[in-house]
Amino acid sequence: YERMAEQQYQEYENHMFECEEMQALLFEASAWRG
């Protein structure tokens, strides 16, 4: 259980980092053209 918890927490951090990058791509429209 301990190893699983550590692994899941790391996966969660990676997932949140990817989500933040995706939001930047999606909603910062000024960074894109036309």
Full PDB file with SEQRES, HELIX, SHEET, SSBOND, CRYST1, ORIGX, SCALE, CONECT and MASTER records, all heavy atoms in Angstrom:
SEQRES   1 A   34  TYR GLU ARG MET ALA GLU GLN GLN TYR GLN GLU TYR GLU          
SEQRES   2 A   34  ASN HIS MET PHE GLU CYS GLU GLU MET GLN ALA LEU LEU          
SEQRES   3 A   34  PHE GLU ALA SER ALA TRP ARG GLY                              
HELIX    1 AA1 GLU A    2  PHE A   27  1                                  26    
HELIX    2 AA2 ALA A   29  ALA A   31  5                                   3    
CRYST1    1.000    1.000    1.000  90.00  90.00  90.00 P 1           1          
ORIGX1      1.000000  0.000000  0.000000        0.00000                         
ORIGX2      0.000000  1.000000  0.000000        0.00000                         
ORIGX3      0.000000  0.000000  1.000000        0.00000                         
SCALE1      1.000000  0.000000  0.000000        0.00000                         
SCALE2      0.000000  1.000000  0.000000        0.00000                         
SCALE3      0.000000  0.000000  1.000000        0.00000                         
ATOM      1  N   TYR A   1       0.817  -1.209   0.000  1.00  0.00           N  
ATOM      2  CA  TYR A   1       0.000   0.000   0.000  1.00  0.00           C  
ATOM      3  C   TYR A   1       0.857   1.267   0.000  1.00  0.00           C  
ATOM      4  O   TYR A   1       0.537   2.253  -0.655  1.00  0.00           O  
ATOM      5  CB  TYR A   1      -0.923   0.014   1.217  1.00  0.00           C  
ATOM      6  CG  TYR A   1      -2.153  -0.841   1.039  1.00  0.00           C  
ATOM      7  CD1 TYR A   1      -2.549  -1.718   2.037  1.00  0.00           C  
ATOM      8  CD2 TYR A   1      -2.917  -0.760  -0.122  1.00  0.00           C  
ATOM      9  CE1 TYR A   1      -3.668  -2.500   1.880  1.00  0.00           C  
ATOM     10  CE2 TYR A   1      -4.037  -1.538  -0.293  1.00  0.00           C  
ATOM     11  CZ  TYR A   1      -4.421  -2.417   0.709  1.00  0.00           C  
ATOM     12  OH  TYR A   1      -5.529  -3.189   0.556  1.00  0.00           O  
ATOM     13  N   GLU A   2       1.934   1.260   0.757  1.00  0.00           N  
ATOM     14  CA  GLU A   2       2.774   2.448   0.829  1.00  0.00           C  
ATOM     15  C   GLU A   2       3.396   2.760  -0.529  1.00  0.00           C  
ATOM     16  O   GLU A   2       3.427   3.909  -0.970  1.00  0.00           O  
ATOM     17  CB  GLU A   2       3.874   2.247   1.877  1.00  0.00           C  
ATOM     18  CG  GLU A   2       3.343   2.141   3.292  1.00  0.00           C  
ATOM     19  CD  GLU A   2       4.464   1.947   4.293  1.00  0.00           C  
ATOM     20  OE1 GLU A   2       5.635   2.074   3.888  1.00  0.00           O  
ATOM     21  OE2 GLU A   2       4.157   1.665   5.457  1.00  0.00           O  
ATOM     22  N   ARG A   3       3.927   1.726  -1.170  1.00  0.00           N  
ATOM     23  CA  ARG A   3       4.537   1.932  -2.481  1.00  0.00           C  
ATOM     24  C   ARG A   3       3.496   2.412  -3.495  1.00  0.00           C  
ATOM     25  O   ARG A   3       3.766   3.275  -4.328  1.00  0.00           O  
ATOM     26  CB  ARG A   3       5.199   0.634  -2.961  1.00  0.00           C  
ATOM     27  CG  ARG A   3       6.454   0.279  -2.173  1.00  0.00           C  
ATOM     28  CD  ARG A   3       7.247  -0.811  -2.876  1.00  0.00           C  
ATOM     29  NE  ARG A   3       6.521  -2.071  -2.923  1.00  0.00           N  
ATOM     30  CZ  ARG A   3       6.581  -2.995  -1.969  1.00  0.00           C  
ATOM     31  NH1 ARG A   3       7.319  -2.772  -0.887  1.00  0.00           N  
ATOM     32  NH2 ARG A   3       5.902  -4.114  -2.082  1.00  0.00           N  
ATOM     33  N   MET A   4       2.261   1.826  -3.411  1.00  0.00           N  
ATOM     34  CA  MET A   4       1.203   2.227  -4.332  1.00  0.00           C  
ATOM     35  C   MET A   4       0.834   3.685  -4.121  1.00  0.00           C  
ATOM     36  O   MET A   4       0.617   4.441  -5.074  1.00  0.00           O  
ATOM     37  CB  MET A   4      -0.034   1.342  -4.138  1.00  0.00           C  
ATOM     38  CG  MET A   4       0.146  -0.069  -4.669  1.00  0.00           C  
ATOM     39  SD  MET A   4      -1.253  -1.126  -4.224  1.00  0.00           S  
ATOM     40  CE  MET A   4      -2.604  -0.262  -4.992  1.00  0.00           C  
ATOM     41  N   ALA A   5       0.761   4.116  -2.864  1.00  0.00           N  
ATOM     42  CA  ALA A   5       0.404   5.495  -2.561  1.00  0.00           C  
ATOM     43  C   ALA A   5       1.442   6.460  -3.118  1.00  0.00           C  
ATOM     44  O   ALA A   5       1.114   7.503  -3.689  1.00  0.00           O  
ATOM     45  CB  ALA A   5       0.260   5.675  -1.057  1.00  0.00           C  
ATOM     46  N   GLU A   6       2.725   6.125  -2.939  1.00  0.00           N  
ATOM     47  CA  GLU A   6       3.777   6.990  -3.469  1.00  0.00           C  
ATOM     48  C   GLU A   6       3.718   7.061  -4.995  1.00  0.00           C  
ATOM     49  O   GLU A   6       3.871   8.138  -5.590  1.00  0.00           O  
ATOM     50  CB  GLU A   6       5.151   6.468  -3.022  1.00  0.00           C  
ATOM     51  CG  GLU A   6       5.391   6.586  -1.522  1.00  0.00           C  
ATOM     52  CD  GLU A   6       6.698   5.947  -1.112  1.00  0.00           C  
ATOM     53  OE1 GLU A   6       7.360   5.346  -1.997  1.00  0.00           O  
ATOM     54  OE2 GLU A   6       7.043   6.045   0.068  1.00  0.00           O  
ATOM     55  N   GLN A   7       3.507   5.934  -5.611  1.00  0.00           N  
ATOM     56  CA  GLN A   7       3.437   5.893  -7.072  1.00  0.00           C  
ATOM     57  C   GLN A   7       2.252   6.711  -7.586  1.00  0.00           C  
ATOM     58  O   GLN A   7       2.362   7.461  -8.553  1.00  0.00           O  
ATOM     59  CB  GLN A   7       3.343   4.445  -7.549  1.00  0.00           C  
ATOM     60  CG  GLN A   7       3.303   4.312  -9.073  1.00  0.00           C  
ATOM     61  CD  GLN A   7       3.189   2.856  -9.501  1.00  0.00           C  
ATOM     62  OE1 GLN A   7       3.175   1.956  -8.674  1.00  0.00           O  
ATOM     63  NE2 GLN A   7       3.120   2.635 -10.805  1.00  0.00           N  
ATOM     64  N   GLN A   8       1.082   6.561  -6.924  1.00  0.00           N  
ATOM     65  CA  GLN A   8      -0.108   7.290  -7.346  1.00  0.00           C  
ATOM     66  C   GLN A   8       0.071   8.794  -7.181  1.00  0.00           C  
ATOM     67  O   GLN A   8      -0.388   9.587  -7.996  1.00  0.00           O  
ATOM     68  CB  GLN A   8      -1.326   6.815  -6.559  1.00  0.00           C  
ATOM     69  CG  GLN A   8      -1.798   5.425  -6.966  1.00  0.00           C  
ATOM     70  CD  GLN A   8      -2.989   4.974  -6.126  1.00  0.00           C  
ATOM     71  OE1 GLN A   8      -3.296   5.607  -5.119  1.00  0.00           O  
ATOM     72  NE2 GLN A   8      -3.623   3.895  -6.544  1.00  0.00           N  
ATOM     73  N   TYR A   9       0.746   9.201  -6.082  1.00  0.00           N  
ATOM     74  CA  TYR A   9       0.964  10.632  -5.863  1.00  0.00           C  
ATOM     75  C   TYR A   9       1.853  11.213  -6.961  1.00  0.00           C  
ATOM     76  O   TYR A   9       1.602  12.315  -7.471  1.00  0.00           O  
ATOM     77  CB  TYR A   9       1.603  10.867  -4.494  1.00  0.00           C  
ATOM     78  CG  TYR A   9       1.813  12.338  -4.189  1.00  0.00           C  
ATOM     79  CD1 TYR A   9       0.748  13.136  -3.786  1.00  0.00           C  
ATOM     80  CD2 TYR A   9       3.081  12.920  -4.328  1.00  0.00           C  
ATOM     81  CE1 TYR A   9       0.931  14.494  -3.528  1.00  0.00           C  
ATOM     82  CE2 TYR A   9       3.274  14.267  -4.064  1.00  0.00           C  
ATOM     83  CZ  TYR A   9       2.195  15.047  -3.659  1.00  0.00           C  
ATOM     84  OH  TYR A   9       2.380  16.382  -3.403  1.00  0.00           O  
ATOM     85  N   GLN A  10       2.893  10.467  -7.373  1.00  0.00           N  
ATOM     86  CA  GLN A  10       3.766  10.941  -8.433  1.00  0.00           C  
ATOM     87  C   GLN A  10       3.006  11.047  -9.759  1.00  0.00           C  
ATOM     88  O   GLN A  10       3.162  12.008 -10.512  1.00  0.00           O  
ATOM     89  CB  GLN A  10       4.967   9.997  -8.583  1.00  0.00           C  
ATOM     90  CG  GLN A  10       6.013  10.473  -9.580  1.00  0.00           C  
ATOM     91  CD  GLN A  10       6.606  11.816  -9.193  1.00  0.00           C  
ATOM     92  OE1 GLN A  10       6.964  12.031  -8.030  1.00  0.00           O  
ATOM     93  NE2 GLN A  10       6.701  12.734 -10.148  1.00  0.00           N  
ATOM     94  N   GLU A  11       2.155  10.047 -10.021  1.00  0.00           N  
ATOM     95  CA  GLU A  11       1.342  10.079 -11.237  1.00  0.00           C  
ATOM     96  C   GLU A  11       0.382  11.267 -11.209  1.00  0.00           C  
ATOM     97  O   GLU A  11       0.136  11.908 -12.230  1.00  0.00           O  
ATOM     98  CB  GLU A  11       0.558   8.771 -11.380  1.00  0.00           C  
ATOM     99  CG  GLU A  11       1.437   7.584 -11.713  1.00  0.00           C  
ATOM    100  CD  GLU A  11       0.632   6.291 -11.755  1.00  0.00           C  
ATOM    101  OE1 GLU A  11      -0.570   6.335 -11.382  1.00  0.00           O  
ATOM    102  OE2 GLU A  11       1.190   5.264 -12.139  1.00  0.00           O  
ATOM    103  N   TYR A  12      -0.133  11.561 -10.013  1.00  0.00           N  
ATOM    104  CA  TYR A  12      -1.056  12.691  -9.879  1.00  0.00           C  
ATOM    105  C   TYR A  12      -0.342  14.017 -10.172  1.00  0.00           C  
ATOM    106  O   TYR A  12      -0.869  14.881 -10.879  1.00  0.00           O  
ATOM    107  CB  TYR A  12      -1.640  12.712  -8.468  1.00  0.00           C  
ATOM    108  CG  TYR A  12      -2.464  13.944  -8.166  1.00  0.00           C  
ATOM    109  CD1 TYR A  12      -3.753  14.086  -8.660  1.00  0.00           C  
ATOM    110  CD2 TYR A  12      -1.934  14.975  -7.397  1.00  0.00           C  
ATOM    111  CE1 TYR A  12      -4.502  15.220  -8.396  1.00  0.00           C  
ATOM    112  CE2 TYR A  12      -2.672  16.111  -7.124  1.00  0.00           C  
ATOM    113  CZ  TYR A  12      -3.955  16.233  -7.620  1.00  0.00           C  
ATOM    114  OH  TYR A  12      -4.697  17.353  -7.366  1.00  0.00           O  
ATOM    115  N   GLU A  13       0.880  14.170  -9.658  1.00  0.00           N  
ATOM    116  CA  GLU A  13       1.639  15.390  -9.923  1.00  0.00           C  
ATOM    117  C   GLU A  13       1.924  15.549 -11.419  1.00  0.00           C  
ATOM    118  O   GLU A  13       1.794  16.641 -11.985  1.00  0.00           O  
ATOM    119  CB  GLU A  13       2.954  15.371  -9.144  1.00  0.00           C  
ATOM    120  CG  GLU A  13       2.800  15.703  -7.666  1.00  0.00           C  
ATOM    121  CD  GLU A  13       4.139  15.995  -7.018  1.00  0.00           C  
ATOM    122  OE1 GLU A  13       5.127  15.365  -7.436  1.00  0.00           O  
ATOM    123  OE2 GLU A  13       4.191  16.840  -6.122  1.00  0.00           O  
ATOM    124  N   ASN A  14       2.315  14.440 -12.067  1.00  0.00           N  
ATOM    125  CA  ASN A  14       2.574  14.488 -13.509  1.00  0.00           C  
ATOM    126  C   ASN A  14       1.315  14.866 -14.279  1.00  0.00           C  
ATOM    127  O   ASN A  14       1.363  15.637 -15.246  1.00  0.00           O  
ATOM    128  CB  ASN A  14       3.103  13.140 -13.997  1.00  0.00           C  
ATOM    129  CG  ASN A  14       4.458  12.810 -13.408  1.00  0.00           C  
ATOM    130  OD1 ASN A  14       5.206  13.713 -12.989  1.00  0.00           O  
ATOM    131  ND2 ASN A  14       4.798  11.528 -13.373  1.00  0.00           N  
ATOM    132  N   HIS A  15       0.203  14.303 -13.837  1.00  0.00           N  
ATOM    133  CA  HIS A  15      -1.074  14.581 -14.503  1.00  0.00           C  
ATOM    134  C   HIS A  15      -1.449  16.057 -14.378  1.00  0.00           C  
ATOM    135  O   HIS A  15      -1.871  16.696 -15.350  1.00  0.00           O  
ATOM    136  CB  HIS A  15      -2.177  13.709 -13.908  1.00  0.00           C  
ATOM    137  CG  HIS A  15      -3.553  14.055 -14.409  1.00  0.00           C  
ATOM    138  ND1 HIS A  15      -3.967  13.786 -15.702  1.00  0.00           N  
ATOM    139  CD2 HIS A  15      -4.599  14.658 -13.785  1.00  0.00           C  
ATOM    140  CE1 HIS A  15      -5.202  14.218 -15.859  1.00  0.00           C  
ATOM    141  NE2 HIS A  15      -5.613  14.747 -14.708  1.00  0.00           N  
ATOM    142  N   MET A  16      -1.298  16.642 -13.184  1.00  0.00           N  
ATOM    143  CA  MET A  16      -1.640  18.042 -12.971  1.00  0.00           C  
ATOM    144  C   MET A  16      -0.735  18.956 -13.792  1.00  0.00           C  
ATOM    145  O   MET A  16      -1.164  19.978 -14.324  1.00  0.00           O  
ATOM    146  CB  MET A  16      -1.528  18.400 -11.489  1.00  0.00           C  
ATOM    147  CG  MET A  16      -2.589  17.723 -10.616  1.00  0.00           C  
ATOM    148  SD  MET A  16      -4.263  18.117 -11.169  1.00  0.00           S  
ATOM    149  CE  MET A  16      -4.295  19.889 -10.951  1.00  0.00           C  
ATOM    150  N   PHE A  17       0.542  18.573 -13.922  1.00  0.00           N  
ATOM    151  CA  PHE A  17       1.465  19.367 -14.732  1.00  0.00           C  
ATOM    152  C   PHE A  17       1.020  19.366 -16.193  1.00  0.00           C  
ATOM    153  O   PHE A  17       1.018  20.411 -16.863  1.00  0.00           O  
ATOM    154  CB  PHE A  17       2.878  18.797 -14.598  1.00  0.00           C  
ATOM    155  CG  PHE A  17       3.891  19.499 -15.462  1.00  0.00           C  
ATOM    156  CD1 PHE A  17       4.395  20.737 -15.096  1.00  0.00           C  
ATOM    157  CD2 PHE A  17       4.330  18.932 -16.653  1.00  0.00           C  
ATOM    158  CE1 PHE A  17       5.321  21.402 -15.892  1.00  0.00           C  
ATOM    159  CE2 PHE A  17       5.258  19.581 -17.446  1.00  0.00           C  
ATOM    160  CZ  PHE A  17       5.760  20.824 -17.071  1.00  0.00           C  
ATOM    161  N   GLU A  18       0.606  18.193 -16.700  1.00  0.00           N  
ATOM    162  CA  GLU A  18       0.134  18.101 -18.080  1.00  0.00           C  
ATOM    163  C   GLU A  18      -1.148  18.908 -18.271  1.00  0.00           C  
ATOM    164  O   GLU A  18      -1.345  19.551 -19.309  1.00  0.00           O  
ATOM    165  CB  GLU A  18      -0.099  16.639 -18.459  1.00  0.00           C  
ATOM    166  CG  GLU A  18       1.188  15.832 -18.556  1.00  0.00           C  
ATOM    167  CD  GLU A  18       0.919  14.353 -18.794  1.00  0.00           C  
ATOM    168  OE1 GLU A  18      -0.280  13.980 -18.822  1.00  0.00           O  
ATOM    169  OE2 GLU A  18       1.868  13.601 -18.949  1.00  0.00           O  
ATOM    170  N   CYS A  19      -2.037  18.863 -17.278  1.00  0.00           N  
ATOM    171  CA  CYS A  19      -3.294  19.614 -17.374  1.00  0.00           C  
ATOM    172  C   CYS A  19      -3.024  21.121 -17.451  1.00  0.00           C  
ATOM    173  O   CYS A  19      -3.667  21.839 -18.216  1.00  0.00           O  
ATOM    174  CB  CYS A  19      -4.199  19.310 -16.183  1.00  0.00           C  
ATOM    175  SG  CYS A  19      -4.926  17.668 -16.247  1.00  0.00           S  
ATOM    176  N   GLU A  20      -2.065  21.604 -16.637  1.00  0.00           N  
ATOM    177  CA  GLU A  20      -1.749  23.028 -16.652  1.00  0.00           C  
ATOM    178  C   GLU A  20      -1.188  23.444 -18.006  1.00  0.00           C  
ATOM    179  O   GLU A  20      -1.519  24.508 -18.538  1.00  0.00           O  
ATOM    180  CB  GLU A  20      -0.747  23.352 -15.539  1.00  0.00           C  
ATOM    181  CG  GLU A  20      -1.356  23.258 -14.139  1.00  0.00           C  
ATOM    182  CD  GLU A  20      -0.307  23.437 -13.060  1.00  0.00           C  
ATOM    183  OE1 GLU A  20       0.893  23.580 -13.412  1.00  0.00           O  
ATOM    184  OE2 GLU A  20      -0.676  23.413 -11.891  1.00  0.00           O  
ATOM    185  N   GLU A  21      -0.333  22.590 -18.591  1.00  0.00           N  
ATOM    186  CA  GLU A  21       0.200  22.910 -19.915  1.00  0.00           C  
ATOM    187  C   GLU A  21      -0.905  22.919 -20.966  1.00  0.00           C  
ATOM    188  O   GLU A  21      -0.932  23.774 -21.852  1.00  0.00           O  
ATOM    189  CB  GLU A  21       1.276  21.886 -20.301  1.00  0.00           C  
ATOM    190  CG  GLU A  21       2.595  22.085 -19.584  1.00  0.00           C  
ATOM    191  CD  GLU A  21       3.731  21.381 -20.301  1.00  0.00           C  
ATOM    192  OE1 GLU A  21       3.447  20.374 -20.990  1.00  0.00           O  
ATOM    193  OE2 GLU A  21       4.880  21.839 -20.198  1.00  0.00           O  
ATOM    194  N   MET A  22      -1.829  21.958 -20.868  1.00  0.00           N  
ATOM    195  CA  MET A  22      -2.932  21.884 -21.827  1.00  0.00           C  
ATOM    196  C   MET A  22      -3.819  23.116 -21.712  1.00  0.00           C  
ATOM    197  O   MET A  22      -4.263  23.680 -22.719  1.00  0.00           O  
ATOM    198  CB  MET A  22      -3.751  20.613 -21.591  1.00  0.00           C  
ATOM    199  CG  MET A  22      -4.890  20.404 -22.607  1.00  0.00           C  
ATOM    200  SD  MET A  22      -4.286  20.239 -24.299  1.00  0.00           S  
ATOM    201  CE  MET A  22      -3.395  18.685 -24.161  1.00  0.00           C  
ATOM    202  N   GLN A  23      -4.092  23.574 -20.478  1.00  0.00           N  
ATOM    203  CA  GLN A  23      -4.910  24.768 -20.297  1.00  0.00           C  
ATOM    204  C   GLN A  23      -4.229  25.998 -20.884  1.00  0.00           C  
ATOM    205  O   GLN A  23      -4.869  26.875 -21.465  1.00  0.00           O  
ATOM    206  CB  GLN A  23      -5.182  24.995 -18.806  1.00  0.00           C  
ATOM    207  CG  GLN A  23      -6.195  24.017 -18.232  1.00  0.00           C  
ATOM    208  CD  GLN A  23      -6.471  24.276 -16.762  1.00  0.00           C  
ATOM    209  OE1 GLN A  23      -5.762  25.053 -16.140  1.00  0.00           O  
ATOM    210  NE2 GLN A  23      -7.487  23.629 -16.230  1.00  0.00           N  
ATOM    211  N   ALA A  24      -2.934  26.038 -20.755  1.00  0.00           N  
ATOM    212  CA  ALA A  24      -2.206  27.166 -21.331  1.00  0.00           C  
ATOM    213  C   ALA A  24      -2.365  27.178 -22.845  1.00  0.00           C  
ATOM    214  O   ALA A  24      -2.533  28.224 -23.471  1.00  0.00           O  
ATOM    215  CB  ALA A  24      -0.722  27.092 -20.947  1.00  0.00           C  
ATOM    216  N   LEU A  25      -2.306  25.988 -23.446  1.00  0.00           N  
ATOM    217  CA  LEU A  25      -2.477  25.894 -24.899  1.00  0.00           C  
ATOM    218  C   LEU A  25      -3.891  26.251 -25.324  1.00  0.00           C  
ATOM    219  O   LEU A  25      -4.106  26.874 -26.369  1.00  0.00           O  
ATOM    220  CB  LEU A  25      -2.139  24.470 -25.369  1.00  0.00           C  
ATOM    221  CG  LEU A  25      -0.669  24.059 -25.302  1.00  0.00           C  
ATOM    222  CD1 LEU A  25      -0.512  22.586 -25.637  1.00  0.00           C  
ATOM    223  CD2 LEU A  25       0.162  24.893 -26.276  1.00  0.00           C  
ATOM    224  N   LEU A  26      -4.856  25.860 -24.503  1.00  0.00           N  
ATOM    225  CA  LEU A  26      -6.251  26.025 -24.894  1.00  0.00           C  
ATOM    226  C   LEU A  26      -6.756  27.437 -24.699  1.00  0.00           C  
ATOM    227  O   LEU A  26      -7.482  27.974 -25.540  1.00  0.00           O  
ATOM    228  CB  LEU A  26      -7.136  25.053 -24.099  1.00  0.00           C  
ATOM    229  CG  LEU A  26      -7.009  23.578 -24.457  1.00  0.00           C  
ATOM    230  CD1 LEU A  26      -7.827  22.731 -23.496  1.00  0.00           C  
ATOM    231  CD2 LEU A  26      -7.494  23.330 -25.885  1.00  0.00           C  
ATOM    232  N   PHE A  27      -6.410  28.081 -23.586  1.00  0.00           N  
ATOM    233  CA  PHE A  27      -7.077  29.313 -23.207  1.00  0.00           C  
ATOM    234  C   PHE A  27      -6.225  30.585 -23.328  1.00  0.00           C  
ATOM    235  O   PHE A  27      -6.726  31.684 -23.159  1.00  0.00           O  
ATOM    236  CB  PHE A  27      -7.604  29.193 -21.778  1.00  0.00           C  
ATOM    237  CG  PHE A  27      -8.593  28.079 -21.641  1.00  0.00           C  
ATOM    238  CD1 PHE A  27      -8.300  26.950 -20.897  1.00  0.00           C  
ATOM    239  CD2 PHE A  27      -9.810  28.161 -22.290  1.00  0.00           C  
ATOM    240  CE1 PHE A  27      -9.215  25.927 -20.796  1.00  0.00           C  
ATOM    241  CE2 PHE A  27     -10.726  27.135 -22.185  1.00  0.00           C  
ATOM    242  CZ  PHE A  27     -10.432  26.022 -21.436  1.00  0.00           C  
ATOM    243  N   GLU A  28      -4.952  30.451 -23.575  1.00  0.00           N  
ATOM    244  CA  GLU A  28      -4.151  31.639 -23.831  1.00  0.00           C  
ATOM    245  C   GLU A  28      -4.126  31.869 -25.333  1.00  0.00           C  
ATOM    246  O   GLU A  28      -3.143  31.613 -26.024  1.00  0.00           O  
ATOM    247  CB  GLU A  28      -2.747  31.462 -23.264  1.00  0.00           C  
ATOM    248  CG  GLU A  28      -2.725  31.426 -21.731  1.00  0.00           C  
ATOM    249  CD  GLU A  28      -1.311  31.309 -21.193  1.00  0.00           C  
ATOM    250  OE1 GLU A  28      -0.367  31.413 -21.999  1.00  0.00           O  
ATOM    251  OE2 GLU A  28      -1.157  31.107 -19.984  1.00  0.00           O  
ATOM    252  N   ALA A  29      -5.261  32.285 -25.855  1.00  0.00           N  
ATOM    253  CA  ALA A  29      -5.431  32.397 -27.304  1.00  0.00           C  
ATOM    254  C   ALA A  29      -4.496  33.435 -27.904  1.00  0.00           C  
ATOM    255  O   ALA A  29      -4.178  33.394 -29.093  1.00  0.00           O  
ATOM    256  CB  ALA A  29      -6.882  32.775 -27.613  1.00  0.00           C  
ATOM    257  N   SER A  30      -4.068  34.388 -27.086  1.00  0.00           N  
ATOM    258  CA  SER A  30      -3.207  35.434 -27.617  1.00  0.00           C  
ATOM    259  C   SER A  30      -1.857  34.897 -28.065  1.00  0.00           C  
ATOM    260  O   SER A  30      -1.138  35.547 -28.827  1.00  0.00           O  
ATOM    261  CB  SER A  30      -3.004  36.516 -26.547  1.00  0.00           C  
ATOM    262  OG  SER A  30      -2.401  35.951 -25.387  1.00  0.00           O  
ATOM    263  N   ALA A  31      -1.510  33.707 -27.596  1.00  0.00           N  
ATOM    264  CA  ALA A  31      -0.228  33.118 -27.965  1.00  0.00           C  
ATOM    265  C   ALA A  31      -0.283  32.460 -29.334  1.00  0.00           C  
ATOM    266  O   ALA A  31       0.723  31.965 -29.832  1.00  0.00           O  
ATOM    267  CB  ALA A  31       0.218  32.104 -26.911  1.00  0.00           C  
ATOM    268  N   TRP A  32      -1.456  32.451 -29.922  1.00  0.00           N  
ATOM    269  CA  TRP A  32      -1.622  31.778 -31.212  1.00  0.00           C  
ATOM    270  C   TRP A  32      -2.142  32.784 -32.238  1.00  0.00           C  
ATOM    271  O   TRP A  32      -2.681  33.813 -31.882  1.00  0.00           O  
ATOM    272  CB  TRP A  32      -2.604  30.615 -31.076  1.00  0.00           C  
ATOM    273  CG  TRP A  32      -2.097  29.575 -30.142  1.00  0.00           C  
ATOM    274  CD1 TRP A  32      -2.202  29.552 -28.794  1.00  0.00           C  
ATOM    275  CD2 TRP A  32      -1.370  28.399 -30.489  1.00  0.00           C  
ATOM    276  NE1 TRP A  32      -1.602  28.446 -28.260  1.00  0.00           N  
ATOM    277  CE2 TRP A  32      -1.078  27.718 -29.284  1.00  0.00           C  
ATOM    278  CE3 TRP A  32      -0.919  27.846 -31.695  1.00  0.00           C  
ATOM    279  CZ2 TRP A  32      -0.381  26.526 -29.259  1.00  0.00           C  
ATOM    280  CZ3 TRP A  32      -0.221  26.645 -31.673  1.00  0.00           C  
ATOM    281  CH2 TRP A  32       0.047  26.007 -30.463  1.00  0.00           C  
ATOM    282  N   ARG A  33      -2.033  32.430 -33.464  1.00  0.00           N  
ATOM    283  CA  ARG A  33      -2.461  33.337 -34.529  1.00  0.00           C  
ATOM    284  C   ARG A  33      -3.628  32.720 -35.284  1.00  0.00           C  
ATOM    285  O   ARG A  33      -3.601  31.542 -35.619  1.00  0.00           O  
ATOM    286  CB  ARG A  33      -1.323  33.596 -35.529  1.00  0.00           C  
ATOM    287  CG  ARG A  33      -0.112  34.269 -34.934  1.00  0.00           C  
ATOM    288  CD  ARG A  33       0.817  34.756 -36.056  1.00  0.00           C  
ATOM    289  NE  ARG A  33       1.146  33.682 -36.977  1.00  0.00           N  
ATOM    290  CZ  ARG A  33       2.166  32.856 -36.805  1.00  0.00           C  
ATOM    291  NH1 ARG A  33       2.927  32.977 -35.747  1.00  0.00           N  
ATOM    292  NH2 ARG A  33       2.418  31.916 -37.681  1.00  0.00           N  
ATOM    293  N   GLY A  34      -4.627  33.568 -35.613  1.00  0.00           N  
ATOM    294  CA  GLY A  34      -5.716  33.220 -36.533  1.00  0.00           C  
ATOM    295  C   GLY A  34      -6.386  31.909 -36.261  1.00  0.00           C  
ATOM    296  O   GLY A  34      -6.785  31.612 -35.143  1.00  0.00           O  
TER     297      GLY A  34                                                      
MASTER        0    0    0    2    0    0    0    6  296    1    0    3          
END                                                                             
